[in-house]
Amino acid sequence: INEQPPVRHLRITVVEMETGRLRVFGNSPDSSPGSRCEHVAITLDHI
């Protein structure tokens, strides 16, 4: 999943329990201005 460049650009969504804020984790960065994607190494915990 975390190869560079990745075979597939993966985006996983989660919600912060305390704040209700939606967060998007990705195995690659977005180029779009204003994107909320956070480039991280995707783990089982994210899934």
ModelCIF file with pLDDT and N, C-alpha, C, O atoms, coordinates in Angstrom:
data_MODEL
#
_entry.id   MODEL 
#
_entity.id                         1 
_entity.type                       polymer 
_entity.pdbx_number_of_molecules   1 
#
_entity_poly.entity_id                      1 
_entity_poly.type                           'polypeptide(L)' 
_entity_poly.nstd_linkage                   no 
_entity_poly.nstd_monomer                   no 
_entity_poly.pdbx_seq_one_letter_code       INEQPPVRHLRITVVEMETGRLRVFGNSPDSSPGSRCEHVAITLDHI 
_entity_poly.pdbx_seq_one_letter_code_can   INEQPPVRHLRITVVEMETGRLRVFGNSPDSSPGSRCEHVAITLDHI 
_entity_poly.pdbx_strand_id                 A 
#
loop_
_entity_poly_seq.entity_id 
_entity_poly_seq.num 
_entity_poly_seq.mon_id 
_entity_poly_seq.hetero 
1 1  ILE n 
1 2  ASN n 
1 3  GLU n 
1 4  GLN n 
1 5  PRO n 
1 6  PRO n 
1 7  VAL n 
1 8  ARG n 
1 9  HIS n 
1 10 LEU n 
1 11 ARG n 
1 12 ILE n 
1 13 THR n 
1 14 VAL n 
1 15 VAL n 
1 16 GLU n 
1 17 MET n 
1 18 GLU n 
1 19 THR n 
1 20 GLY n 
1 21 ARG n 
1 22 LEU n 
1 23 ARG n 
1 24 VAL n 
1 25 PHE n 
1 26 GLY n 
1 27 ASN n 
1 28 SER n 
1 29 PRO n 
1 30 ASP n 
1 31 SER n 
1 32 SER n 
1 33 PRO n 
1 34 GLY n 
1 35 SER n 
1 36 ARG n 
1 37 CYS n 
1 38 GLU n 
1 39 HIS n 
1 40 VAL n 
1 41 ALA n 
1 42 ILE n 
1 43 THR n 
1 44 LEU n 
1 45 ASP n 
1 46 HIS n 
1 47 ILE n 
#
_struct_asym.id          A 
_struct_asym.entity_id   1 
#
loop_
_ma_qa_metric.id 
_ma_qa_metric.mode 
_ma_qa_metric.name 
_ma_qa_metric.software_group_id 
_ma_qa_metric.type 
1 global pLDDT . pLDDT 
2 local  pLDDT . pLDDT 
#
_ma_qa_metric_global.metric_id      1 
_ma_qa_metric_global.metric_value   92.94 
_ma_qa_metric_global.model_id       1 
_ma_qa_metric_global.ordinal_id     1 
#
loop_
_ma_qa_metric_local.label_asym_id 
_ma_qa_metric_local.label_comp_id 
_ma_qa_metric_local.label_seq_id 
_ma_qa_metric_local.metric_id 
_ma_qa_metric_local.metric_value 
_ma_qa_metric_local.model_id 
_ma_qa_metric_local.ordinal_id 
A ILE 1  2 98.00 1 1  
A ASN 2  2 97.00 1 2  
A GLU 3  2 95.00 1 3  
A GLN 4  2 91.00 1 4  
A PRO 5  2 89.00 1 5  
A PRO 6  2 93.00 1 6  
A VAL 7  2 90.00 1 7  
A ARG 8  2 95.00 1 8  
A HIS 9  2 96.00 1 9  
A LEU 10 2 98.00 1 10 
A ARG 11 2 97.00 1 11 
A ILE 12 2 97.00 1 12 
A THR 13 2 94.00 1 13 
A VAL 14 2 94.00 1 14 
A VAL 15 2 90.00 1 15 
A GLU 16 2 93.00 1 16 
A MET 17 2 89.00 1 17 
A GLU 18 2 88.00 1 18 
A THR 19 2 90.00 1 19 
A GLY 20 2 87.00 1 20 
A ARG 21 2 90.00 1 21 
A LEU 22 2 90.00 1 22 
A ARG 23 2 95.00 1 23 
A VAL 24 2 96.00 1 24 
A PHE 25 2 97.00 1 25 
A GLY 26 2 97.00 1 26 
A ASN 27 2 97.00 1 27 
A SER 28 2 96.00 1 28 
A PRO 29 2 95.00 1 29 
A ASP 30 2 92.00 1 30 
A SER 31 2 79.00 1 31 
A SER 32 2 79.00 1 32 
A PRO 33 2 79.00 1 33 
A GLY 34 2 81.00 1 34 
A SER 35 2 88.00 1 35 
A ARG 36 2 90.00 1 36 
A CYS 37 2 95.00 1 37 
A GLU 38 2 96.00 1 38 
A HIS 39 2 97.00 1 39 
A VAL 40 2 97.00 1 40 
A ALA 41 2 97.00 1 41 
A ILE 42 2 98.00 1 42 
A THR 43 2 97.00 1 43 
A LEU 44 2 97.00 1 44 
A ASP 45 2 97.00 1 45 
A HIS 46 2 98.00 1 46 
A ILE 47 2 97.00 1 47 
#
loop_
_atom_site.group_PDB 
_atom_site.id 
_atom_site.type_symbol 
_atom_site.label_atom_id 
_atom_site.label_alt_id 
_atom_site.label_comp_id 
_atom_site.label_asym_id 
_atom_site.label_entity_id 
_atom_site.label_seq_id 
_atom_site.pdbx_PDB_ins_code 
_atom_site.Cartn_x 
_atom_site.Cartn_y 
_atom_site.Cartn_z 
_atom_site.occupancy 
_atom_site.B_iso_or_equiv 
_atom_site.pdbx_formal_charge 
_atom_site.auth_seq_id 
_atom_site.auth_comp_id 
_atom_site.auth_asym_id 
_atom_site.auth_atom_id 
_atom_site.pdbx_PDB_model_num 
ATOM 1   N N  . ILE A 1 1  ? 0.828   -1.209 0.000  1.00 98.00 ? 1  ILE A N  1 
ATOM 2   C CA . ILE A 1 1  ? 0.000   0.000  0.000  1.00 98.00 ? 1  ILE A CA 1 
ATOM 3   C C  . ILE A 1 1  ? 0.855   1.249  0.000  1.00 98.00 ? 1  ILE A C  1 
ATOM 4   O O  . ILE A 1 1  ? 0.535   2.229  -0.672 1.00 98.00 ? 1  ILE A O  1 
ATOM 5   N N  . ASN A 1 2  ? 1.957   1.215  0.761  1.00 97.00 ? 2  ASN A N  1 
ATOM 6   C CA . ASN A 1 2  ? 2.769   2.409  0.969  1.00 97.00 ? 2  ASN A CA 1 
ATOM 7   C C  . ASN A 1 2  ? 3.993   2.492  0.074  1.00 97.00 ? 2  ASN A C  1 
ATOM 8   O O  . ASN A 1 2  ? 4.913   3.259  0.356  1.00 97.00 ? 2  ASN A O  1 
ATOM 9   N N  . GLU A 1 3  ? 4.018   1.718  -0.995 1.00 95.00 ? 3  GLU A N  1 
ATOM 10  C CA . GLU A 1 3  ? 5.089   1.862  -1.985 1.00 95.00 ? 3  GLU A CA 1 
ATOM 11  C C  . GLU A 1 3  ? 5.100   3.277  -2.544 1.00 95.00 ? 3  GLU A C  1 
ATOM 12  O O  . GLU A 1 3  ? 4.071   3.954  -2.568 1.00 95.00 ? 3  GLU A O  1 
ATOM 13  N N  . GLN A 1 4  ? 6.257   3.714  -2.989 1.00 91.00 ? 4  GLN A N  1 
ATOM 14  C CA . GLN A 1 4  ? 6.376   5.031  -3.613 1.00 91.00 ? 4  GLN A CA 1 
ATOM 15  C C  . GLN A 1 4  ? 6.992   4.902  -5.005 1.00 91.00 ? 4  GLN A C  1 
ATOM 16  O O  . GLN A 1 4  ? 8.134   4.458  -5.123 1.00 91.00 ? 4  GLN A O  1 
ATOM 17  N N  . PRO A 1 5  ? 6.273   5.275  -6.054 1.00 89.00 ? 5  PRO A N  1 
ATOM 18  C CA . PRO A 1 5  ? 4.877   5.714  -6.000 1.00 89.00 ? 5  PRO A CA 1 
ATOM 19  C C  . PRO A 1 5  ? 3.946   4.529  -5.752 1.00 89.00 ? 5  PRO A C  1 
ATOM 20  O O  . PRO A 1 5  ? 4.282   3.400  -6.108 1.00 89.00 ? 5  PRO A O  1 
ATOM 21  N N  . PRO A 1 6  ? 2.790   4.769  -5.152 1.00 93.00 ? 6  PRO A N  1 
ATOM 22  C CA . PRO A 1 6  ? 1.879   3.664  -4.856 1.00 93.00 ? 6  PRO A CA 1 
ATOM 23  C C  . PRO A 1 6  ? 1.234   3.103  -6.116 1.00 93.00 ? 6  PRO A C  1 
ATOM 24  O O  . PRO A 1 6  ? 1.035   3.812  -7.103 1.00 93.00 ? 6  PRO A O  1 
ATOM 25  N N  . VAL A 1 7  ? 0.914   1.820  -6.062 1.00 90.00 ? 7  VAL A N  1 
ATOM 26  C CA . VAL A 1 7  ? 0.181   1.201  -7.175 1.00 90.00 ? 7  VAL A CA 1 
ATOM 27  C C  . VAL A 1 7  ? -1.212  1.811  -7.271 1.00 90.00 ? 7  VAL A C  1 
ATOM 28  O O  . VAL A 1 7  ? -1.726  2.042  -8.366 1.00 90.00 ? 7  VAL A O  1 
ATOM 29  N N  . ARG A 1 8  ? -1.816  2.068  -6.119 1.00 95.00 ? 8  ARG A N  1 
ATOM 30  C CA . ARG A 1 8  ? -3.113  2.752  -6.043 1.00 95.00 ? 8  ARG A CA 1 
ATOM 31  C C  . ARG A 1 8  ? -3.010  3.862  -5.005 1.00 95.00 ? 8  ARG A C  1 
ATOM 32  O O  . ARG A 1 8  ? -2.410  3.674  -3.947 1.00 95.00 ? 8  ARG A O  1 
ATOM 33  N N  . HIS A 1 9  ? -3.594  5.014  -5.305 1.00 96.00 ? 9  HIS A N  1 
ATOM 34  C CA . HIS A 1 9  ? -3.669  6.100  -4.329 1.00 96.00 ? 9  HIS A CA 1 
ATOM 35  C C  . HIS A 1 9  ? -4.851  5.802  -3.407 1.00 96.00 ? 9  HIS A C  1 
ATOM 36  O O  . HIS A 1 9  ? -6.004  5.857  -3.835 1.00 96.00 ? 9  HIS A O  1 
ATOM 37  N N  . LEU A 1 10 ? -4.567  5.489  -2.150 1.00 98.00 ? 10 LEU A N  1 
ATOM 38  C CA . LEU A 1 10 ? -5.605  5.081  -1.203 1.00 98.00 ? 10 LEU A CA 1 
ATOM 39  C C  . LEU A 1 10 ? -5.949  6.220  -0.257 1.00 98.00 ? 10 LEU A C  1 
ATOM 40  O O  . LEU A 1 10 ? -5.063  6.886  0.279  1.00 98.00 ? 10 LEU A O  1 
ATOM 41  N N  . ARG A 1 11 ? -7.243  6.437  -0.056 1.00 97.00 ? 11 ARG A N  1 
ATOM 42  C CA . ARG A 1 11 ? -7.738  7.423  0.895  1.00 97.00 ? 11 ARG A CA 1 
ATOM 43  C C  . ARG A 1 11 ? -8.703  6.727  1.857  1.00 97.00 ? 11 ARG A C  1 
ATOM 44  O O  . ARG A 1 11 ? -9.625  6.034  1.427  1.00 97.00 ? 11 ARG A O  1 
ATOM 45  N N  . ILE A 1 12 ? -8.482  6.917  3.158  1.00 97.00 ? 12 ILE A N  1 
ATOM 46  C CA . ILE A 1 12 ? -9.316  6.299  4.188  1.00 97.00 ? 12 ILE A CA 1 
ATOM 47  C C  . ILE A 1 12 ? -9.863  7.396  5.093  1.00 97.00 ? 12 ILE A C  1 
ATOM 48  O O  . ILE A 1 12 ? -9.111  8.257  5.551  1.00 97.00 ? 12 ILE A O  1 
ATOM 49  N N  . THR A 1 13 ? -11.157 7.370  5.350  1.00 94.00 ? 13 THR A N  1 
ATOM 50  C CA . THR A 1 13 ? -11.775 8.410  6.175  1.00 94.00 ? 13 THR A CA 1 
ATOM 51  C C  . THR A 1 13 ? -12.069 7.890  7.580  1.00 94.00 ? 13 THR A C  1 
ATOM 52  O O  . THR A 1 13 ? -12.478 6.744  7.763  1.00 94.00 ? 13 THR A O  1 
ATOM 53  N N  . VAL A 1 14 ? -11.853 8.755  8.559  1.00 94.00 ? 14 VAL A N  1 
ATOM 54  C CA . VAL A 1 14 ? -12.151 8.464  9.958  1.00 94.00 ? 14 VAL A CA 1 
ATOM 55  C C  . VAL A 1 14 ? -12.703 9.743  10.601 1.00 94.00 ? 14 VAL A C  1 
ATOM 56  O O  . VAL A 1 14 ? -12.654 10.822 10.009 1.00 94.00 ? 14 VAL A O  1 
ATOM 57  N N  . VAL A 1 15 ? -13.224 9.602  11.811 1.00 90.00 ? 15 VAL A N  1 
ATOM 58  C CA . VAL A 1 15 ? -13.773 10.745 12.536 1.00 90.00 ? 15 VAL A CA 1 
ATOM 59  C C  . VAL A 1 15 ? -13.152 10.793 13.925 1.00 90.00 ? 15 VAL A C  1 
ATOM 60  O O  . VAL A 1 15 ? -13.135 9.789  14.637 1.00 90.00 ? 15 VAL A O  1 
ATOM 61  N N  . GLU A 1 16 ? -12.647 11.951 14.308 1.00 93.00 ? 16 GLU A N  1 
ATOM 62  C CA . GLU A 1 16 ? -12.125 12.119 15.658 1.00 93.00 ? 16 GLU A CA 1 
ATOM 63  C C  . GLU A 1 16 ? -13.272 11.992 16.662 1.00 93.00 ? 16 GLU A C  1 
ATOM 64  O O  . GLU A 1 16 ? -14.274 12.700 16.570 1.00 93.00 ? 16 GLU A O  1 
ATOM 65  N N  . MET A 1 17 ? -13.110 11.089 17.611 1.00 89.00 ? 17 MET A N  1 
ATOM 66  C CA . MET A 1 17 ? -14.189 10.823 18.555 1.00 89.00 ? 17 MET A CA 1 
ATOM 67  C C  . MET A 1 17 ? -14.518 12.036 19.414 1.00 89.00 ? 17 MET A C  1 
ATOM 68  O O  . MET A 1 17 ? -15.691 12.303 19.674 1.00 89.00 ? 17 MET A O  1 
ATOM 69  N N  . GLU A 1 18 ? -13.515 12.767 19.853 1.00 88.00 ? 18 GLU A N  1 
ATOM 70  C CA . GLU A 1 18 ? -13.742 13.882 20.772 1.00 88.00 ? 18 GLU A CA 1 
ATOM 71  C C  . GLU A 1 18 ? -14.317 15.120 20.099 1.00 88.00 ? 18 GLU A C  1 
ATOM 72  O O  . GLU A 1 18 ? -15.051 15.882 20.729 1.00 88.00 ? 18 GLU A O  1 
ATOM 73  N N  . THR A 1 19 ? -13.994 15.327 18.837 1.00 90.00 ? 19 THR A N  1 
ATOM 74  C CA . THR A 1 19 ? -14.385 16.567 18.159 1.00 90.00 ? 19 THR A CA 1 
ATOM 75  C C  . THR A 1 19 ? -15.404 16.371 17.044 1.00 90.00 ? 19 THR A C  1 
ATOM 76  O O  . THR A 1 19 ? -16.072 17.325 16.644 1.00 90.00 ? 19 THR A O  1 
ATOM 77  N N  . GLY A 1 20 ? -15.532 15.136 16.533 1.00 87.00 ? 20 GLY A N  1 
ATOM 78  C CA . GLY A 1 20 ? -16.417 14.898 15.397 1.00 87.00 ? 20 GLY A CA 1 
ATOM 79  C C  . GLY A 1 20 ? -15.837 15.361 14.075 1.00 87.00 ? 20 GLY A C  1 
ATOM 80  O O  . GLY A 1 20 ? -16.549 15.419 13.072 1.00 87.00 ? 20 GLY A O  1 
ATOM 81  N N  . ARG A 1 21 ? -14.553 15.691 14.060 1.00 90.00 ? 21 ARG A N  1 
ATOM 82  C CA . ARG A 1 21 ? -13.922 16.202 12.835 1.00 90.00 ? 21 ARG A CA 1 
ATOM 83  C C  . ARG A 1 21 ? -13.565 15.058 11.895 1.00 90.00 ? 21 ARG A C  1 
ATOM 84  O O  . ARG A 1 21 ? -12.946 14.074 12.301 1.00 90.00 ? 21 ARG A O  1 
ATOM 85  N N  . LEU A 1 22 ? -13.966 15.199 10.628 1.00 90.00 ? 22 LEU A N  1 
ATOM 86  C CA . LEU A 1 22 ? -13.616 14.203 9.618  1.00 90.00 ? 22 LEU A CA 1 
ATOM 87  C C  . LEU A 1 22 ? -12.160 14.374 9.218  1.00 90.00 ? 22 LEU A C  1 
ATOM 88  O O  . LEU A 1 22 ? -11.708 15.489 8.956  1.00 90.00 ? 22 LEU A O  1 
ATOM 89  N N  . ARG A 1 23 ? -11.424 13.262 9.171  1.00 95.00 ? 23 ARG A N  1 
ATOM 90  C CA . ARG A 1 23 ? -10.041 13.303 8.714  1.00 95.00 ? 23 ARG A CA 1 
ATOM 91  C C  . ARG A 1 23 ? -9.853  12.274 7.615  1.00 95.00 ? 23 ARG A C  1 
ATOM 92  O O  . ARG A 1 23 ? -10.456 11.201 7.637  1.00 95.00 ? 23 ARG A O  1 
ATOM 93  N N  . VAL A 1 24 ? -9.018  12.614 6.665  1.00 96.00 ? 24 VAL A N  1 
ATOM 94  C CA . VAL A 1 24 ? -8.743  11.740 5.519  1.00 96.00 ? 24 VAL A CA 1 
ATOM 95  C C  . VAL A 1 24 ? -7.255  11.409 5.510  1.00 96.00 ? 24 VAL A C  1 
ATOM 96  O O  . VAL A 1 24 ? -6.414  12.303 5.419  1.00 96.00 ? 24 VAL A O  1 
ATOM 97  N N  . PHE A 1 25 ? -6.937  10.124 5.606  1.00 97.00 ? 25 PHE A N  1 
ATOM 98  C CA . PHE A 1 25 ? -5.551  9.675  5.556  1.00 97.00 ? 25 PHE A CA 1 
ATOM 99  C C  . PHE A 1 25 ? -5.277  9.076  4.183  1.00 97.00 ? 25 PHE A C  1 
ATOM 100 O O  . PHE A 1 25 ? -6.095  8.327  3.650  1.00 97.00 ? 25 PHE A O  1 
ATOM 101 N N  . GLY A 1 26 ? -4.113  9.412  3.610  1.00 97.00 ? 26 GLY A N  1 
ATOM 102 C CA . GLY A 1 26 ? -3.771  8.911  2.283  1.00 97.00 ? 26 GLY A CA 1 
ATOM 103 C C  . GLY A 1 26 ? -2.345  8.431  2.205  1.00 97.00 ? 26 GLY A C  1 
ATOM 104 O O  . GLY A 1 26 ? -1.473  8.930  2.917  1.00 97.00 ? 26 GLY A O  1 
ATOM 105 N N  . ASN A 1 27 ? -2.100  7.453  1.332  1.00 97.00 ? 27 ASN A N  1 
ATOM 106 C CA . ASN A 1 27 ? -0.740  6.940  1.147  1.00 97.00 ? 27 ASN A CA 1 
ATOM 107 C C  . ASN A 1 27 ? 0.068   7.786  0.162  1.00 97.00 ? 27 ASN A C  1 
ATOM 108 O O  . ASN A 1 27 ? 1.194   7.434  -0.190 1.00 97.00 ? 27 ASN A O  1 
ATOM 109 N N  . SER A 1 28 ? -0.517  8.905  -0.280 1.00 96.00 ? 28 SER A N  1 
ATOM 110 C CA . SER A 1 28 ? 0.172   9.857  -1.159 1.00 96.00 ? 28 SER A CA 1 
ATOM 111 C C  . SER A 1 28 ? -0.459  11.225 -0.941 1.00 96.00 ? 28 SER A C  1 
ATOM 112 O O  . SER A 1 28 ? -1.601  11.308 -0.488 1.00 96.00 ? 28 SER A O  1 
ATOM 113 N N  . PRO A 1 29 ? 0.255   12.291 -1.253 1.00 95.00 ? 29 PRO A N  1 
ATOM 114 C CA . PRO A 1 29 ? -0.320  13.631 -1.056 1.00 95.00 ? 29 PRO A CA 1 
ATOM 115 C C  . PRO A 1 29 ? -1.231  14.018 -2.205 1.00 95.00 ? 29 PRO A C  1 
ATOM 116 O O  . PRO A 1 29 ? -1.111  13.499 -3.314 1.00 95.00 ? 29 PRO A O  1 
ATOM 117 N N  . ASP A 1 30 ? -2.148  14.941 -1.923 1.00 92.00 ? 30 ASP A N  1 
ATOM 118 C CA . ASP A 1 30 ? -2.994  15.528 -2.955 1.00 92.00 ? 30 ASP A CA 1 
ATOM 119 C C  . ASP A 1 30 ? -2.336  16.812 -3.456 1.00 92.00 ? 30 ASP A C  1 
ATOM 120 O O  . ASP A 1 30 ? -1.648  17.507 -2.707 1.00 92.00 ? 30 ASP A O  1 
ATOM 121 N N  . SER A 1 31 ? -2.558  17.109 -4.724 1.00 79.00 ? 31 SER A N  1 
ATOM 122 C CA . SER A 1 31 ? -2.043  18.360 -5.291 1.00 79.00 ? 31 SER A CA 1 
ATOM 123 C C  . SER A 1 31 ? -3.093  19.456 -5.300 1.00 79.00 ? 31 SER A C  1 
ATOM 124 O O  . SER A 1 31 ? -2.772  20.620 -5.544 1.00 79.00 ? 31 SER A O  1 
ATOM 125 N N  . SER A 1 32 ? -4.355  19.097 -5.036 1.00 79.00 ? 32 SER A N  1 
ATOM 126 C CA . SER A 1 32 ? -5.438  20.081 -5.089 1.00 79.00 ? 32 SER A CA 1 
ATOM 127 C C  . SER A 1 32 ? -5.326  21.080 -3.937 1.00 79.00 ? 32 SER A C  1 
ATOM 128 O O  . SER A 1 32 ? -5.083  20.680 -2.799 1.00 79.00 ? 32 SER A O  1 
ATOM 129 N N  . PRO A 1 33 ? -5.502  22.378 -4.219 1.00 79.00 ? 33 PRO A N  1 
ATOM 130 C CA . PRO A 1 33 ? -5.473  23.373 -3.147 1.00 79.00 ? 33 PRO A CA 1 
ATOM 131 C C  . PRO A 1 33 ? -6.635  23.160 -2.183 1.00 79.00 ? 33 PRO A C  1 
ATOM 132 O O  . PRO A 1 33 ? -7.768  22.930 -2.604 1.00 79.00 ? 33 PRO A O  1 
ATOM 133 N N  . GLY A 1 34 ? -6.346  23.237 -0.895 1.00 81.00 ? 34 GLY A N  1 
ATOM 134 C CA . GLY A 1 34 ? -7.403  23.085 0.095  1.00 81.00 ? 34 GLY A CA 1 
ATOM 135 C C  . GLY A 1 34 ? -7.743  21.654 0.436  1.00 81.00 ? 34 GLY A C  1 
ATOM 136 O O  . GLY A 1 34 ? -8.671  21.420 1.210  1.00 81.00 ? 34 GLY A O  1 
ATOM 137 N N  . SER A 1 35 ? -7.018  20.671 -0.118 1.00 88.00 ? 35 SER A N  1 
ATOM 138 C CA . SER A 1 35 ? -7.302  19.276 0.189  1.00 88.00 ? 35 SER A CA 1 
ATOM 139 C C  . SER A 1 35 ? -7.070  18.999 1.669  1.00 88.00 ? 35 SER A C  1 
ATOM 140 O O  . SER A 1 35 ? -6.146  19.536 2.279  1.00 88.00 ? 35 SER A O  1 
ATOM 141 N N  . ARG A 1 36 ? -7.933  18.144 2.238  1.00 90.00 ? 36 ARG A N  1 
ATOM 142 C CA . ARG A 1 36 ? -7.793  17.802 3.654  1.00 90.00 ? 36 ARG A CA 1 
ATOM 143 C C  . ARG A 1 36 ? -7.024  16.491 3.855  1.00 90.00 ? 36 ARG A C  1 
ATOM 144 O O  . ARG A 1 36 ? -6.872  16.037 4.989  1.00 90.00 ? 36 ARG A O  1 
ATOM 145 N N  . CYS A 1 37 ? -6.543  15.886 2.780  1.00 95.00 ? 37 CYS A N  1 
ATOM 146 C CA . CYS A 1 37 ? -5.847  14.604 2.886  1.00 95.00 ? 37 CYS A CA 1 
ATOM 147 C C  . CYS A 1 37 ? -4.523  14.757 3.639  1.00 95.00 ? 37 CYS A C  1 
ATOM 148 O O  . CYS A 1 37 ? -3.738  15.660 3.352  1.00 95.00 ? 37 CYS A O  1 
ATOM 149 N N  . GLU A 1 38 ? -4.284  13.867 4.604  1.00 96.00 ? 38 GLU A N  1 
ATOM 150 C CA . GLU A 1 38 ? -3.040  13.824 5.363  1.00 96.00 ? 38 GLU A CA 1 
ATOM 151 C C  . GLU A 1 38 ? -2.197  12.660 4.857  1.00 96.00 ? 38 GLU A C  1 
ATOM 152 O O  . GLU A 1 38 ? -2.610  11.504 4.949  1.00 96.00 ? 38 GLU A O  1 
ATOM 153 N N  . HIS A 1 39 ? -1.016  12.963 4.322  1.00 97.00 ? 39 HIS A N  1 
ATOM 154 C CA . HIS A 1 39 ? -0.150  11.926 3.777  1.00 97.00 ? 39 HIS A CA 1 
ATOM 155 C C  . HIS A 1 39 ? 0.532   11.182 4.924  1.00 97.00 ? 39 HIS A C  1 
ATOM 156 O O  . HIS A 1 39 ? 1.339   11.759 5.653  1.00 97.00 ? 39 HIS A O  1 
ATOM 157 N N  . VAL A 1 40 ? 0.203   9.895  5.079  1.00 97.00 ? 40 VAL A N  1 
ATOM 158 C CA . VAL A 1 40 ? 0.778   9.061  6.136  1.00 97.00 ? 40 VAL A CA 1 
ATOM 159 C C  . VAL A 1 40 ? 1.050   7.669  5.570  1.00 97.00 ? 40 VAL A C  1 
ATOM 160 O O  . VAL A 1 40 ? 0.609   7.332  4.472  1.00 97.00 ? 40 VAL A O  1 
ATOM 161 N N  . ALA A 1 41 ? 1.778   6.875  6.336  1.00 97.00 ? 41 ALA A N  1 
ATOM 162 C CA . ALA A 1 41 ? 1.914   5.459  6.014  1.00 97.00 ? 41 ALA A CA 1 
ATOM 163 C C  . ALA A 1 41 ? 0.669   4.751  6.554  1.00 97.00 ? 41 ALA A C  1 
ATOM 164 O O  . ALA A 1 41 ? 0.450   4.708  7.765  1.00 97.00 ? 41 ALA A O  1 
ATOM 165 N N  . ILE A 1 42 ? -0.138  4.200  5.655  1.00 98.00 ? 42 ILE A N  1 
ATOM 166 C CA . ILE A 1 42 ? -1.384  3.550  6.060  1.00 98.00 ? 42 ILE A CA 1 
ATOM 167 C C  . ILE A 1 42 ? -1.070  2.259  6.818  1.00 98.00 ? 42 ILE A C  1 
ATOM 168 O O  . ILE A 1 42 ? -0.285  1.432  6.354  1.00 98.00 ? 42 ILE A O  1 
ATOM 169 N N  . THR A 1 43 ? -1.692  2.097  7.987  1.00 97.00 ? 43 THR A N  1 
ATOM 170 C CA . THR A 1 43 ? -1.491  0.908  8.817  1.00 97.00 ? 43 THR A CA 1 
ATOM 171 C C  . THR A 1 43 ? -2.829  0.215  9.058  1.00 97.00 ? 43 THR A C  1 
ATOM 172 O O  . THR A 1 43 ? -3.879  0.707  8.645  1.00 97.00 ? 43 THR A O  1 
ATOM 173 N N  . LEU A 1 44 ? -2.776  -0.933 9.732  1.00 97.00 ? 44 LEU A N  1 
ATOM 174 C CA . LEU A 1 44 ? -4.004  -1.632 10.104 1.00 97.00 ? 44 LEU A CA 1 
ATOM 175 C C  . LEU A 1 44 ? -4.870  -0.760 11.009 1.00 97.00 ? 44 LEU A C  1 
ATOM 176 O O  . LEU A 1 44 ? -6.097  -0.832 10.958 1.00 97.00 ? 44 LEU A O  1 
ATOM 177 N N  . ASP A 1 45 ? -4.228  0.064  11.837 1.00 97.00 ? 45 ASP A N  1 
ATOM 178 C CA . ASP A 1 45 ? -4.993  0.926  12.732 1.00 97.00 ? 45 ASP A CA 1 
ATOM 179 C C  . ASP A 1 45 ? -5.856  1.911  11.955 1.00 97.00 ? 45 ASP A C  1 
ATOM 180 O O  . ASP A 1 45 ? -6.989  2.179  12.356 1.00 97.00 ? 45 ASP A O  1 
ATOM 181 N N  . HIS A 1 46 ? -5.345  2.456  10.852 1.00 98.00 ? 46 HIS A N  1 
ATOM 182 C CA . HIS A 1 46 ? -6.147  3.375  10.044 1.00 98.00 ? 46 HIS A CA 1 
ATOM 183 C C  . HIS A 1 46 ? -7.368  2.656  9.468  1.00 98.00 ? 46 HIS A C  1 
ATOM 184 O O  . HIS A 1 46 ? -8.467  3.209  9.429  1.00 98.00 ? 46 HIS A O  1 
ATOM 185 N N  . ILE A 1 47 ? -7.158  1.426  9.026  1.00 97.00 ? 47 ILE A N  1 
ATOM 186 C CA . ILE A 1 47 ? -8.260  0.658  8.438  1.00 97.00 ? 47 ILE A CA 1 
ATOM 187 C C  . ILE A 1 47 ? -9.308  0.332  9.500  1.00 97.00 ? 47 ILE A C  1 
ATOM 188 O O  . ILE A 1 47 ? -10.314 -0.311 9.199  1.00 97.00 ? 47 ILE A O  1 
#
